Amino acid sequence: IGLSSFYRERFDSFLNNLSLAKQIKEEDIHKLRVDIKYIRSLLLLIEEFDLDTDAGSKLLKQLNGIFNSAGKLRALQVSKSLLLNSNVDIPSEIMLVLDGRMNVSVEKFGAKWSEFEILKFKKGAASLCSSLNQVNISELKIKTDSIIHDELEIVNKLFNSSQGEEYHHEIRKLLKVVKALQQLLLVLQDDEKRRQALDIVNSTETLLGNWH
């Protein structure tokens, strides 16, 4: 699979999850946000290259609205799930407040979902994919490895800080970027050591997610 095909698959995955997210199910909203985080990492990488298109920056801008709205809805969905599964009697007043906020968040997300211009996104994605043949793959690998190294350096510093627990959310965000870039490099060239490194990142990010 080539670079353009890889990006095209990610864009198609996003559009599929965007369609599913219309149902407002918690898992679908989660998948949508995961996809957007993945794509944002890939688009930010391409911004490092001087392509003759600004499609990447336009796609990033278009994704921001739906991502932020989905994030607010997701936070409320998770809060409600935790309360309902806590085996504690929750005062009805609290649930009424939470449900009220949920309804507002659902309406706002629905509005952002309806406003999202799918055709515009598809055109931007097609434009970007057609420009990816300008990217030197050797240079891409070097630059991507450099970004991964820098991100892991930050992760290491945060882990070792005296306030490490306060940074767990930030560490997870950085590890998600590393995962996306590692997966890209594996698509371009399979490598057992890189797979092992990705497994470590995956397991670490999952453990932090379970704790967080």
N, C-alpha and C. Protein backbone atom coordinates (compact mmCIF):
# COMPACT_ATOMS: atom_id res chain seq x y z
N ILE A 1 0.85 -1.19 0.00
CA ILE A 1 0.00 0.00 0.00
C ILE A 1 0.89 1.25 0.00
N GLY A 2 0.55 2.20 -0.84
CA GLY A 2 1.35 3.42 -0.93
C GLY A 2 0.86 4.49 0.02
N LEU A 3 1.56 5.62 0.02
CA LEU A 3 1.23 6.72 0.93
C LEU A 3 -0.17 7.27 0.65
N SER A 4 -0.48 7.50 -0.63
CA SER A 4 -1.79 8.04 -0.99
C SER A 4 -2.91 7.09 -0.59
N SER A 5 -2.70 5.80 -0.84
CA SER A 5 -3.73 4.81 -0.49
C SER A 5 -3.96 4.75 1.01
N PHE A 6 -2.88 4.87 1.78
CA PHE A 6 -2.98 4.85 3.24
C PHE A 6 -3.81 6.03 3.73
N TYR A 7 -3.51 7.21 3.23
CA TYR A 7 -4.28 8.39 3.64
C TYR A 7 -5.73 8.28 3.20
N ARG A 8 -5.93 7.76 1.99
CA ARG A 8 -7.29 7.63 1.48
C ARG A 8 -8.12 6.68 2.37
N GLU A 9 -7.50 5.61 2.83
CA GLU A 9 -8.19 4.67 3.73
C GLU A 9 -8.59 5.35 5.03
N ARG A 10 -7.70 6.19 5.55
CA ARG A 10 -8.01 6.89 6.80
C ARG A 10 -9.16 7.88 6.61
N PHE A 11 -9.17 8.57 5.49
CA PHE A 11 -10.26 9.50 5.21
C PHE A 11 -11.58 8.75 5.06
N ASP A 12 -11.56 7.62 4.38
CA ASP A 12 -12.77 6.81 4.19
C ASP A 12 -13.28 6.30 5.54
N SER A 13 -12.37 5.89 6.41
CA SER A 13 -12.75 5.41 7.73
C SER A 13 -13.44 6.52 8.52
N PHE A 14 -12.87 7.72 8.44
CA PHE A 14 -13.49 8.86 9.13
C PHE A 14 -14.90 9.11 8.63
N LEU A 15 -15.08 9.13 7.31
CA LEU A 15 -16.41 9.41 6.75
C LEU A 15 -17.41 8.33 7.15
N ASN A 16 -16.97 7.09 7.23
CA ASN A 16 -17.85 6.02 7.67
C ASN A 16 -18.27 6.22 9.13
N ASN A 17 -17.29 6.56 9.99
CA ASN A 17 -17.61 6.76 11.40
C ASN A 17 -18.41 8.04 11.62
N LEU A 18 -18.20 9.02 10.76
CA LEU A 18 -19.02 10.23 10.83
C LEU A 18 -20.48 9.90 10.56
N SER A 19 -20.71 9.03 9.58
CA SER A 19 -22.07 8.62 9.25
C SER A 19 -22.72 7.88 10.43
N LEU A 20 -21.97 6.98 11.05
CA LEU A 20 -22.48 6.22 12.19
C LEU A 20 -22.77 7.11 13.39
N ALA A 21 -21.96 8.15 13.56
CA ALA A 21 -22.08 9.02 14.73
C ALA A 21 -23.40 9.78 14.76
N LYS A 22 -24.11 9.81 13.64
CA LYS A 22 -25.41 10.49 13.61
C LYS A 22 -26.37 9.89 14.63
N GLN A 23 -26.17 8.60 14.96
CA GLN A 23 -27.05 7.90 15.91
C GLN A 23 -26.75 8.29 17.35
N ILE A 24 -25.65 9.03 17.59
CA ILE A 24 -25.28 9.56 18.92
C ILE A 24 -24.94 8.45 19.93
N LYS A 25 -24.65 7.25 19.45
CA LYS A 25 -24.26 6.19 20.39
C LYS A 25 -22.86 6.47 20.93
N GLU A 26 -22.65 6.16 22.21
CA GLU A 26 -21.39 6.49 22.87
C GLU A 26 -20.19 5.90 22.14
N GLU A 27 -20.28 4.64 21.74
CA GLU A 27 -19.15 3.98 21.09
C GLU A 27 -18.85 4.61 19.73
N ASP A 28 -19.89 5.02 19.02
CA ASP A 28 -19.69 5.65 17.70
C ASP A 28 -19.04 7.02 17.83
N ILE A 29 -19.45 7.76 18.86
CA ILE A 29 -18.82 9.07 19.10
C ILE A 29 -17.35 8.88 19.45
N HIS A 30 -17.06 7.86 20.23
CA HIS A 30 -15.67 7.56 20.60
C HIS A 30 -14.84 7.22 19.36
N LYS A 31 -15.38 6.35 18.49
CA LYS A 31 -14.66 5.95 17.28
C LYS A 31 -14.42 7.16 16.36
N LEU A 32 -15.39 8.05 16.29
CA LEU A 32 -15.24 9.25 15.47
C LEU A 32 -14.08 10.09 15.96
N ARG A 33 -14.01 10.29 17.28
CA ARG A 33 -12.93 11.12 17.84
C ARG A 33 -11.57 10.45 17.67
N VAL A 34 -11.52 9.14 17.82
CA VAL A 34 -10.26 8.42 17.61
C VAL A 34 -9.78 8.60 16.18
N ASP A 35 -10.70 8.48 15.23
CA ASP A 35 -10.35 8.65 13.81
C ASP A 35 -9.83 10.06 13.53
N ILE A 36 -10.50 11.05 14.11
CA ILE A 36 -10.08 12.44 13.87
C ILE A 36 -8.70 12.68 14.46
N LYS A 37 -8.43 12.15 15.65
CA LYS A 37 -7.10 12.30 16.25
C LYS A 37 -6.04 11.69 15.35
N TYR A 38 -6.36 10.53 14.80
CA TYR A 38 -5.43 9.83 13.90
C TYR A 38 -5.15 10.70 12.66
N ILE A 39 -6.22 11.18 12.04
CA ILE A 39 -6.07 11.98 10.83
C ILE A 39 -5.33 13.28 11.11
N ARG A 40 -5.61 13.90 12.24
CA ARG A 40 -4.93 15.15 12.57
C ARG A 40 -3.41 14.93 12.66
N SER A 41 -3.00 13.83 13.26
CA SER A 41 -1.57 13.53 13.36
C SER A 41 -0.96 13.39 11.97
N LEU A 42 -1.68 12.71 11.07
CA LEU A 42 -1.18 12.50 9.71
C LEU A 42 -1.15 13.80 8.91
N LEU A 43 -2.15 14.65 9.12
CA LEU A 43 -2.19 15.92 8.40
C LEU A 43 -1.10 16.88 8.90
N LEU A 44 -0.86 16.88 10.19
CA LEU A 44 0.19 17.73 10.75
C LEU A 44 1.57 17.30 10.24
N LEU A 45 1.72 15.99 10.02
CA LEU A 45 2.98 15.50 9.46
C LEU A 45 3.17 16.04 8.05
N ILE A 46 2.14 15.97 7.23
CA ILE A 46 2.24 16.44 5.85
C ILE A 46 2.47 17.95 5.78
N GLU A 47 2.00 18.68 6.80
CA GLU A 47 2.23 20.12 6.84
C GLU A 47 3.72 20.45 6.91
N GLU A 48 4.54 19.46 7.29
CA GLU A 48 5.99 19.66 7.38
C GLU A 48 6.63 19.74 5.98
N PHE A 49 5.88 19.34 4.96
CA PHE A 49 6.41 19.33 3.60
C PHE A 49 5.81 20.48 2.79
N ASP A 50 6.57 20.98 1.85
CA ASP A 50 6.12 22.10 1.02
C ASP A 50 5.37 21.59 -0.20
N LEU A 51 4.15 21.12 0.03
CA LEU A 51 3.32 20.66 -1.08
C LEU A 51 2.65 21.86 -1.75
N ASP A 52 2.29 21.70 -3.02
CA ASP A 52 1.67 22.80 -3.75
C ASP A 52 0.15 22.80 -3.54
N THR A 53 -0.27 22.56 -2.31
CA THR A 53 -1.69 22.58 -1.96
C THR A 53 -1.83 22.94 -0.49
N ASP A 54 -2.92 23.63 -0.16
CA ASP A 54 -3.20 23.94 1.24
C ASP A 54 -4.36 23.07 1.74
N ALA A 55 -4.59 21.95 1.04
CA ALA A 55 -5.70 21.06 1.39
C ALA A 55 -5.57 20.53 2.82
N GLY A 56 -4.34 20.24 3.24
CA GLY A 56 -4.13 19.70 4.58
C GLY A 56 -4.62 20.64 5.67
N SER A 57 -4.23 21.90 5.58
CA SER A 57 -4.64 22.88 6.59
C SER A 57 -6.15 23.11 6.55
N LYS A 58 -6.73 23.06 5.35
CA LYS A 58 -8.18 23.25 5.24
C LYS A 58 -8.94 22.06 5.85
N LEU A 59 -8.42 20.85 5.67
CA LEU A 59 -9.04 19.67 6.26
C LEU A 59 -8.96 19.74 7.79
N LEU A 60 -7.80 20.16 8.30
CA LEU A 60 -7.65 20.31 9.75
C LEU A 60 -8.68 21.28 10.32
N LYS A 61 -8.84 22.40 9.64
CA LYS A 61 -9.80 23.41 10.09
C LYS A 61 -11.22 22.85 10.06
N GLN A 62 -11.54 22.10 9.03
CA GLN A 62 -12.89 21.55 8.90
C GLN A 62 -13.18 20.52 9.98
N LEU A 63 -12.16 19.77 10.39
CA LEU A 63 -12.33 18.73 11.39
C LEU A 63 -12.52 19.29 12.81
N ASN A 64 -12.00 20.49 13.05
CA ASN A 64 -11.99 21.02 14.42
C ASN A 64 -13.38 21.13 15.04
N GLY A 65 -14.34 21.66 14.27
CA GLY A 65 -15.67 21.88 14.81
C GLY A 65 -16.35 20.60 15.26
N ILE A 66 -16.35 19.60 14.41
CA ILE A 66 -17.01 18.34 14.75
C ILE A 66 -16.26 17.62 15.86
N PHE A 67 -14.93 17.76 15.90
CA PHE A 67 -14.12 17.12 16.93
C PHE A 67 -14.42 17.72 18.31
N ASN A 68 -14.45 19.03 18.40
CA ASN A 68 -14.70 19.68 19.69
C ASN A 68 -16.11 19.40 20.20
N SER A 69 -17.06 19.43 19.31
CA SER A 69 -18.44 19.16 19.69
C SER A 69 -18.60 17.71 20.16
N ALA A 70 -17.98 16.79 19.44
CA ALA A 70 -18.04 15.37 19.82
C ALA A 70 -17.35 15.15 21.17
N GLY A 71 -16.29 15.91 21.44
CA GLY A 71 -15.58 15.78 22.70
C GLY A 71 -16.44 16.15 23.90
N LYS A 72 -17.18 17.23 23.77
CA LYS A 72 -18.06 17.66 24.86
C LYS A 72 -19.17 16.63 25.10
N LEU A 73 -19.71 16.10 24.02
CA LEU A 73 -20.75 15.08 24.14
C LEU A 73 -20.19 13.81 24.74
N ARG A 74 -19.01 13.41 24.29
CA ARG A 74 -18.36 12.20 24.79
C ARG A 74 -18.10 12.30 26.29
N ALA A 75 -17.65 13.46 26.76
CA ALA A 75 -17.37 13.64 28.19
C ALA A 75 -18.63 13.43 29.03
N LEU A 76 -19.75 13.94 28.55
CA LEU A 76 -21.01 13.76 29.27
C LEU A 76 -21.50 12.32 29.21
N GLN A 77 -21.31 11.67 28.06
CA GLN A 77 -21.71 10.27 27.93
C GLN A 77 -20.92 9.38 28.90
N VAL A 78 -19.62 9.63 28.98
CA VAL A 78 -18.78 8.85 29.89
C VAL A 78 -19.18 9.11 31.34
N SER A 79 -19.45 10.37 31.68
CA SER A 79 -19.87 10.70 33.04
C SER A 79 -21.15 9.97 33.42
N LYS A 80 -22.10 9.96 32.51
CA LYS A 80 -23.37 9.29 32.79
C LYS A 80 -23.17 7.78 32.94
N SER A 81 -22.35 7.20 32.08
CA SER A 81 -22.08 5.76 32.16
C SER A 81 -21.44 5.40 33.49
N LEU A 82 -20.48 6.21 33.93
CA LEU A 82 -19.80 5.95 35.21
C LEU A 82 -20.78 6.03 36.37
N LEU A 83 -21.66 7.01 36.33
CA LEU A 83 -22.65 7.16 37.40
C LEU A 83 -23.61 5.97 37.43
N LEU A 84 -24.08 5.57 36.26
CA LEU A 84 -25.05 4.46 36.20
C LEU A 84 -24.44 3.13 36.58
N ASN A 85 -23.14 2.99 36.40
CA ASN A 85 -22.46 1.73 36.72
C ASN A 85 -21.74 1.77 38.06
N SER A 86 -22.00 2.79 38.86
CA SER A 86 -21.27 2.97 40.13
C SER A 86 -21.86 2.20 41.29
N ASN A 87 -23.05 1.60 41.11
CA ASN A 87 -23.73 0.88 42.19
C ASN A 87 -23.99 1.79 43.39
N VAL A 88 -24.18 3.07 43.12
CA VAL A 88 -24.50 4.06 44.15
C VAL A 88 -25.80 4.75 43.76
N ASP A 89 -26.62 5.01 44.75
CA ASP A 89 -27.87 5.72 44.47
C ASP A 89 -27.57 7.17 44.09
N ILE A 90 -27.89 7.52 42.89
CA ILE A 90 -27.63 8.87 42.39
C ILE A 90 -28.89 9.70 42.57
N PRO A 91 -28.80 10.83 43.27
CA PRO A 91 -29.98 11.69 43.44
C PRO A 91 -30.59 12.06 42.09
N SER A 92 -31.90 12.05 42.03
CA SER A 92 -32.59 12.33 40.77
C SER A 92 -32.26 13.73 40.26
N GLU A 93 -31.99 14.66 41.19
CA GLU A 93 -31.66 16.03 40.77
C GLU A 93 -30.38 16.07 39.93
N ILE A 94 -29.40 15.24 40.35
CA ILE A 94 -28.13 15.20 39.62
C ILE A 94 -28.35 14.63 38.22
N MET A 95 -29.15 13.56 38.14
CA MET A 95 -29.41 12.95 36.83
C MET A 95 -30.18 13.90 35.93
N LEU A 96 -31.09 14.67 36.52
CA LEU A 96 -31.84 15.64 35.72
C LEU A 96 -30.91 16.70 35.12
N VAL A 97 -29.98 17.18 35.95
CA VAL A 97 -29.02 18.17 35.46
C VAL A 97 -28.15 17.58 34.36
N LEU A 98 -27.65 16.35 34.59
CA LEU A 98 -26.80 15.70 33.61
C LEU A 98 -27.55 15.44 32.31
N ASP A 99 -28.78 14.96 32.43
CA ASP A 99 -29.58 14.70 31.22
C ASP A 99 -29.86 16.00 30.45
N GLY A 100 -30.08 17.09 31.20
CA GLY A 100 -30.31 18.36 30.55
C GLY A 100 -29.09 18.81 29.76
N ARG A 101 -27.92 18.65 30.36
CA ARG A 101 -26.68 19.02 29.66
C ARG A 101 -26.44 18.10 28.47
N MET A 102 -26.80 16.82 28.64
CA MET A 102 -26.65 15.87 27.54
C MET A 102 -27.51 16.27 26.36
N ASN A 103 -28.76 16.65 26.65
CA ASN A 103 -29.67 17.03 25.56
C ASN A 103 -29.14 18.24 24.79
N VAL A 104 -28.60 19.21 25.52
CA VAL A 104 -28.03 20.40 24.87
C VAL A 104 -26.83 20.00 24.01
N SER A 105 -25.98 19.13 24.57
CA SER A 105 -24.79 18.70 23.86
C SER A 105 -25.15 17.88 22.61
N VAL A 106 -26.18 17.06 22.73
CA VAL A 106 -26.63 16.27 21.59
C VAL A 106 -27.13 17.19 20.48
N GLU A 107 -27.88 18.22 20.85
CA GLU A 107 -28.39 19.17 19.86
C GLU A 107 -27.25 19.91 19.16
N LYS A 108 -26.25 20.32 19.94
CA LYS A 108 -25.11 21.04 19.36
C LYS A 108 -24.30 20.14 18.44
N PHE A 109 -24.12 18.88 18.87
CA PHE A 109 -23.39 17.95 18.01
C PHE A 109 -24.18 17.69 16.73
N GLY A 110 -25.48 17.51 16.87
CA GLY A 110 -26.32 17.29 15.69
C GLY A 110 -26.23 18.44 14.70
N ALA A 111 -26.15 19.65 15.24
CA ALA A 111 -26.02 20.82 14.37
C ALA A 111 -24.68 20.82 13.64
N LYS A 112 -23.60 20.51 14.38
CA LYS A 112 -22.27 20.44 13.76
C LYS A 112 -22.22 19.31 12.73
N TRP A 113 -22.88 18.21 13.04
CA TRP A 113 -22.91 17.06 12.13
C TRP A 113 -23.61 17.47 10.82
N SER A 114 -24.73 18.17 10.95
CA SER A 114 -25.49 18.58 9.76
C SER A 114 -24.74 19.64 8.95
N GLU A 115 -23.95 20.48 9.65
CA GLU A 115 -23.21 21.54 8.97
C GLU A 115 -21.96 21.02 8.26
N PHE A 116 -21.50 19.84 8.66
CA PHE A 116 -20.26 19.32 8.09
C PHE A 116 -20.44 19.08 6.59
N GLU A 117 -19.59 19.72 5.79
CA GLU A 117 -19.70 19.63 4.33
C GLU A 117 -18.89 18.43 3.82
N ILE A 118 -19.59 17.32 3.63
CA ILE A 118 -18.93 16.08 3.24
C ILE A 118 -18.28 16.20 1.87
N LEU A 119 -18.98 16.81 0.93
CA LEU A 119 -18.43 16.96 -0.42
C LEU A 119 -17.15 17.80 -0.39
N LYS A 120 -17.17 18.86 0.40
CA LYS A 120 -15.98 19.70 0.54
C LYS A 120 -14.82 18.90 1.12
N PHE A 121 -15.12 18.07 2.12
CA PHE A 121 -14.08 17.25 2.73
C PHE A 121 -13.52 16.26 1.72
N LYS A 122 -14.39 15.62 0.96
CA LYS A 122 -13.94 14.64 -0.04
C LYS A 122 -13.05 15.30 -1.10
N LYS A 123 -13.43 16.49 -1.52
CA LYS A 123 -12.62 17.20 -2.52
C LYS A 123 -11.25 17.55 -1.95
N GLY A 124 -11.23 18.01 -0.70
CA GLY A 124 -9.97 18.35 -0.06
C GLY A 124 -9.08 17.13 0.13
N ALA A 125 -9.71 16.02 0.53
CA ALA A 125 -8.96 14.77 0.73
C ALA A 125 -8.38 14.28 -0.59
N ALA A 126 -9.19 14.37 -1.66
CA ALA A 126 -8.71 13.94 -2.99
C ALA A 126 -7.55 14.80 -3.46
N SER A 127 -7.67 16.10 -3.21
CA SER A 127 -6.60 17.02 -3.61
C SER A 127 -5.31 16.71 -2.86
N LEU A 128 -5.43 16.45 -1.57
CA LEU A 128 -4.24 16.14 -0.78
C LEU A 128 -3.62 14.83 -1.25
N CYS A 129 -4.44 13.81 -1.44
CA CYS A 129 -3.91 12.49 -1.84
C CYS A 129 -3.20 12.57 -3.18
N SER A 130 -3.72 13.39 -4.10
CA SER A 130 -3.08 13.51 -5.40
C SER A 130 -1.74 14.24 -5.32
N SER A 131 -1.55 15.00 -4.23
CA SER A 131 -0.30 15.75 -4.06
C SER A 131 0.76 14.96 -3.29
N LEU A 132 0.37 13.84 -2.71
CA LEU A 132 1.30 13.10 -1.87
C LEU A 132 2.45 12.45 -2.66
N ASN A 133 2.28 12.37 -3.99
CA ASN A 133 3.38 11.82 -4.80
C ASN A 133 4.58 12.77 -4.85
N GLN A 134 4.37 13.99 -4.35
CA GLN A 134 5.48 14.95 -4.27
C GLN A 134 6.39 14.67 -3.07
N VAL A 135 5.89 13.87 -2.14
CA VAL A 135 6.64 13.61 -0.90
C VAL A 135 7.73 12.58 -1.15
N ASN A 136 8.93 12.92 -0.77
CA ASN A 136 10.04 11.97 -0.85
C ASN A 136 9.92 11.01 0.33
N ILE A 137 9.75 9.72 0.03
CA ILE A 137 9.47 8.74 1.08
C ILE A 137 10.64 8.61 2.06
N SER A 138 11.86 8.68 1.54
CA SER A 138 13.02 8.58 2.44
C SER A 138 13.03 9.77 3.41
N GLU A 139 12.75 10.93 2.88
CA GLU A 139 12.69 12.13 3.73
C GLU A 139 11.54 12.02 4.73
N LEU A 140 10.42 11.47 4.26
CA LEU A 140 9.26 11.29 5.13
C LEU A 140 9.60 10.38 6.31
N LYS A 141 10.29 9.27 6.03
CA LYS A 141 10.65 8.34 7.10
C LYS A 141 11.56 9.01 8.12
N ILE A 142 12.55 9.75 7.64
CA ILE A 142 13.49 10.43 8.54
C ILE A 142 12.76 11.46 9.40
N LYS A 143 11.91 12.26 8.78
CA LYS A 143 11.18 13.31 9.49
C LYS A 143 10.21 12.69 10.50
N THR A 144 9.54 11.61 10.10
CA THR A 144 8.58 10.96 10.99
C THR A 144 9.28 10.34 12.19
N ASP A 145 10.39 9.68 11.95
CA ASP A 145 11.16 9.11 13.07
C ASP A 145 11.63 10.21 14.02
N SER A 146 12.00 11.35 13.47
CA SER A 146 12.45 12.47 14.29
C SER A 146 11.31 12.99 15.18
N ILE A 147 10.12 13.09 14.61
CA ILE A 147 8.96 13.54 15.38
C ILE A 147 8.63 12.53 16.48
N ILE A 148 8.66 11.24 16.14
CA ILE A 148 8.40 10.20 17.12
C ILE A 148 9.38 10.30 18.28
N HIS A 149 10.65 10.48 17.94
CA HIS A 149 11.69 10.60 18.97
C HIS A 149 11.41 11.79 19.89
N ASP A 150 11.05 12.93 19.30
CA ASP A 150 10.79 14.14 20.08
C ASP A 150 9.57 13.95 20.99
N GLU A 151 8.53 13.30 20.46
CA GLU A 151 7.32 13.08 21.25
C GLU A 151 7.60 12.15 22.43
N LEU A 152 8.38 11.11 22.19
CA LEU A 152 8.70 10.17 23.26
C LEU A 152 9.62 10.80 24.31
N GLU A 153 10.44 11.74 23.88
CA GLU A 153 11.28 12.48 24.84
C GLU A 153 10.38 13.28 25.80
N ILE A 154 9.36 13.90 25.25
CA ILE A 154 8.43 14.66 26.08
C ILE A 154 7.68 13.71 27.02
N VAL A 155 7.24 12.56 26.49
CA VAL A 155 6.54 11.57 27.31
C VAL A 155 7.42 11.14 28.47
N ASN A 156 8.68 10.87 28.19
CA ASN A 156 9.61 10.43 29.23
C ASN A 156 9.77 11.48 30.32
N LYS A 157 9.88 12.74 29.91
CA LYS A 157 10.02 13.83 30.89
C LYS A 157 8.76 13.95 31.75
N LEU A 158 7.59 13.81 31.13
CA LEU A 158 6.35 13.91 31.88
C LEU A 158 6.19 12.74 32.84
N PHE A 159 6.58 11.54 32.40
CA PHE A 159 6.51 10.36 33.26
C PHE A 159 7.38 10.53 34.49
N ASN A 160 8.55 11.13 34.29
CA ASN A 160 9.52 11.24 35.37
C ASN A 160 9.35 12.49 36.23
N SER A 161 8.39 13.32 35.89
CA SER A 161 8.18 14.53 36.67
C SER A 161 7.49 14.20 37.98
N SER A 162 7.65 15.07 38.94
CA SER A 162 7.02 14.86 40.25
C SER A 162 5.51 14.98 40.16
N GLN A 163 5.02 15.58 39.10
CA GLN A 163 3.59 15.73 38.91
C GLN A 163 3.09 14.80 37.80
N GLY A 164 3.73 13.65 37.69
CA GLY A 164 3.43 12.74 36.59
C GLY A 164 1.97 12.41 36.40
N GLU A 165 1.26 12.17 37.51
CA GLU A 165 -0.13 11.77 37.39
C GLU A 165 -0.98 12.88 36.78
N GLU A 166 -0.60 14.12 37.02
CA GLU A 166 -1.35 15.23 36.46
C GLU A 166 -1.20 15.30 34.94
N TYR A 167 -0.17 14.67 34.44
CA TYR A 167 0.13 14.74 33.01
C TYR A 167 -0.34 13.50 32.23
N HIS A 168 -1.06 12.61 32.87
CA HIS A 168 -1.44 11.36 32.20
C HIS A 168 -2.27 11.62 30.93
N HIS A 169 -3.15 12.60 30.99
CA HIS A 169 -3.96 12.90 29.81
C HIS A 169 -3.08 13.40 28.67
N GLU A 170 -2.13 14.28 28.99
CA GLU A 170 -1.23 14.80 27.98
C GLU A 170 -0.35 13.69 27.41
N ILE A 171 0.08 12.77 28.28
CA ILE A 171 0.91 11.65 27.83
C ILE A 171 0.13 10.77 26.85
N ARG A 172 -1.13 10.52 27.15
CA ARG A 172 -1.96 9.72 26.25
C ARG A 172 -2.09 10.40 24.88
N LYS A 173 -2.27 11.70 24.87
CA LYS A 173 -2.37 12.44 23.61
C LYS A 173 -1.10 12.28 22.78
N LEU A 174 0.04 12.38 23.45
CA LEU A 174 1.32 12.23 22.74
C LEU A 174 1.50 10.82 22.22
N LEU A 175 1.10 9.83 23.01
CA LEU A 175 1.25 8.43 22.59
C LEU A 175 0.34 8.12 21.40
N LYS A 176 -0.81 8.77 21.33
CA LYS A 176 -1.70 8.57 20.18
C LYS A 176 -1.04 9.09 18.90
N VAL A 177 -0.33 10.21 19.02
CA VAL A 177 0.40 10.74 17.86
C VAL A 177 1.48 9.75 17.44
N VAL A 178 2.22 9.22 18.42
CA VAL A 178 3.27 8.25 18.13
C VAL A 178 2.68 7.01 17.45
N LYS A 179 1.54 6.53 17.94
CA LYS A 179 0.89 5.36 17.34
C LYS A 179 0.55 5.60 15.88
N ALA A 180 -0.04 6.75 15.59
CA ALA A 180 -0.43 7.06 14.21
C ALA A 180 0.79 7.09 13.29
N LEU A 181 1.86 7.69 13.76
CA LEU A 181 3.06 7.81 12.92
C LEU A 181 3.78 6.47 12.78
N GLN A 182 3.79 5.67 13.84
CA GLN A 182 4.40 4.35 13.75
C GLN A 182 3.64 3.48 12.75
N GLN A 183 2.32 3.56 12.79
CA GLN A 183 1.51 2.77 11.87
C GLN A 183 1.74 3.18 10.42
N LEU A 184 1.92 4.48 10.21
CA LEU A 184 2.23 4.97 8.87
C LEU A 184 3.55 4.38 8.38
N LEU A 185 4.56 4.41 9.23
CA LEU A 185 5.88 3.88 8.83
C LEU A 185 5.82 2.38 8.58
N LEU A 186 5.01 1.67 9.34
CA LEU A 186 4.87 0.23 9.13
C LEU A 186 4.20 -0.08 7.80
N VAL A 187 3.30 0.79 7.38
CA VAL A 187 2.66 0.61 6.08
C VAL A 187 3.68 0.79 4.96
N LEU A 188 4.57 1.76 5.14
CA LEU A 188 5.58 2.04 4.11
C LEU A 188 6.67 0.98 4.09
N GLN A 189 6.98 0.42 5.26
CA GLN A 189 8.02 -0.61 5.34
C GLN A 189 7.82 -1.43 6.62
N ASP A 190 7.48 -2.70 6.44
CA ASP A 190 7.27 -3.57 7.60
C ASP A 190 8.59 -3.80 8.32
N ASP A 191 8.54 -3.75 9.64
CA ASP A 191 9.75 -3.89 10.42
C ASP A 191 9.38 -4.45 11.79
N GLU A 192 9.99 -5.58 12.18
CA GLU A 192 9.63 -6.27 13.40
C GLU A 192 9.91 -5.42 14.64
N LYS A 193 11.05 -4.74 14.66
CA LYS A 193 11.38 -3.90 15.82
C LYS A 193 10.38 -2.76 15.97
N ARG A 194 9.96 -2.22 14.86
CA ARG A 194 8.97 -1.12 14.93
C ARG A 194 7.63 -1.67 15.42
N ARG A 195 7.28 -2.88 15.00
CA ARG A 195 6.04 -3.50 15.48
C ARG A 195 6.10 -3.70 17.00
N GLN A 196 7.25 -4.14 17.48
CA GLN A 196 7.41 -4.33 18.91
C GLN A 196 7.29 -3.00 19.66
N ALA A 197 7.88 -1.96 19.08
CA ALA A 197 7.79 -0.63 19.69
C ALA A 197 6.35 -0.14 19.72
N LEU A 198 5.61 -0.42 18.63
CA LEU A 198 4.22 -0.01 18.56
C LEU A 198 3.39 -0.78 19.59
N ASP A 199 3.68 -2.05 19.80
CA ASP A 199 2.98 -2.85 20.80
C ASP A 199 3.16 -2.25 22.20
N ILE A 200 4.38 -1.79 22.48
CA ILE A 200 4.66 -1.19 23.79
C ILE A 200 3.86 0.11 23.95
N VAL A 201 3.84 0.92 22.89
CA VAL A 201 3.09 2.17 22.93
C VAL A 201 1.60 1.89 23.12
N ASN A 202 1.09 0.89 22.39
CA ASN A 202 -0.32 0.53 22.50
C ASN A 202 -0.68 0.10 23.91
N SER A 203 0.11 -0.80 24.48
CA SER A 203 -0.19 -1.31 25.82
C SER A 203 -0.08 -0.21 26.87
N THR A 204 0.91 0.67 26.72
CA THR A 204 1.07 1.77 27.67
C THR A 204 -0.11 2.73 27.60
N GLU A 205 -0.51 3.06 26.38
CA GLU A 205 -1.62 3.99 26.20
C GLU A 205 -2.92 3.38 26.73
N THR A 206 -3.10 2.08 26.54
CA THR A 206 -4.30 1.40 27.03
C THR A 206 -4.33 1.39 28.56
N LEU A 207 -3.19 1.10 29.18
CA LEU A 207 -3.11 1.10 30.64
C LEU A 207 -3.43 2.48 31.22
N LEU A 208 -2.89 3.50 30.59
CA LEU A 208 -3.18 4.87 31.03
C LEU A 208 -4.66 5.20 30.85
N GLY A 209 -5.23 4.72 29.75
CA GLY A 209 -6.65 4.96 29.49
C GLY A 209 -7.53 4.31 30.53
N ASN A 210 -7.18 3.08 30.92
CA ASN A 210 -7.96 2.37 31.94
C ASN A 210 -7.87 3.09 33.28
N TRP A 211 -6.66 3.61 33.59
CA TRP A 211 -6.48 4.33 34.85
C TRP A 211 -7.18 5.67 34.82
N HIS A 212 -7.02 6.37 33.68
CA HIS A 212 -7.51 7.75 33.56
C HIS A 212 -9.03 7.77 33.48
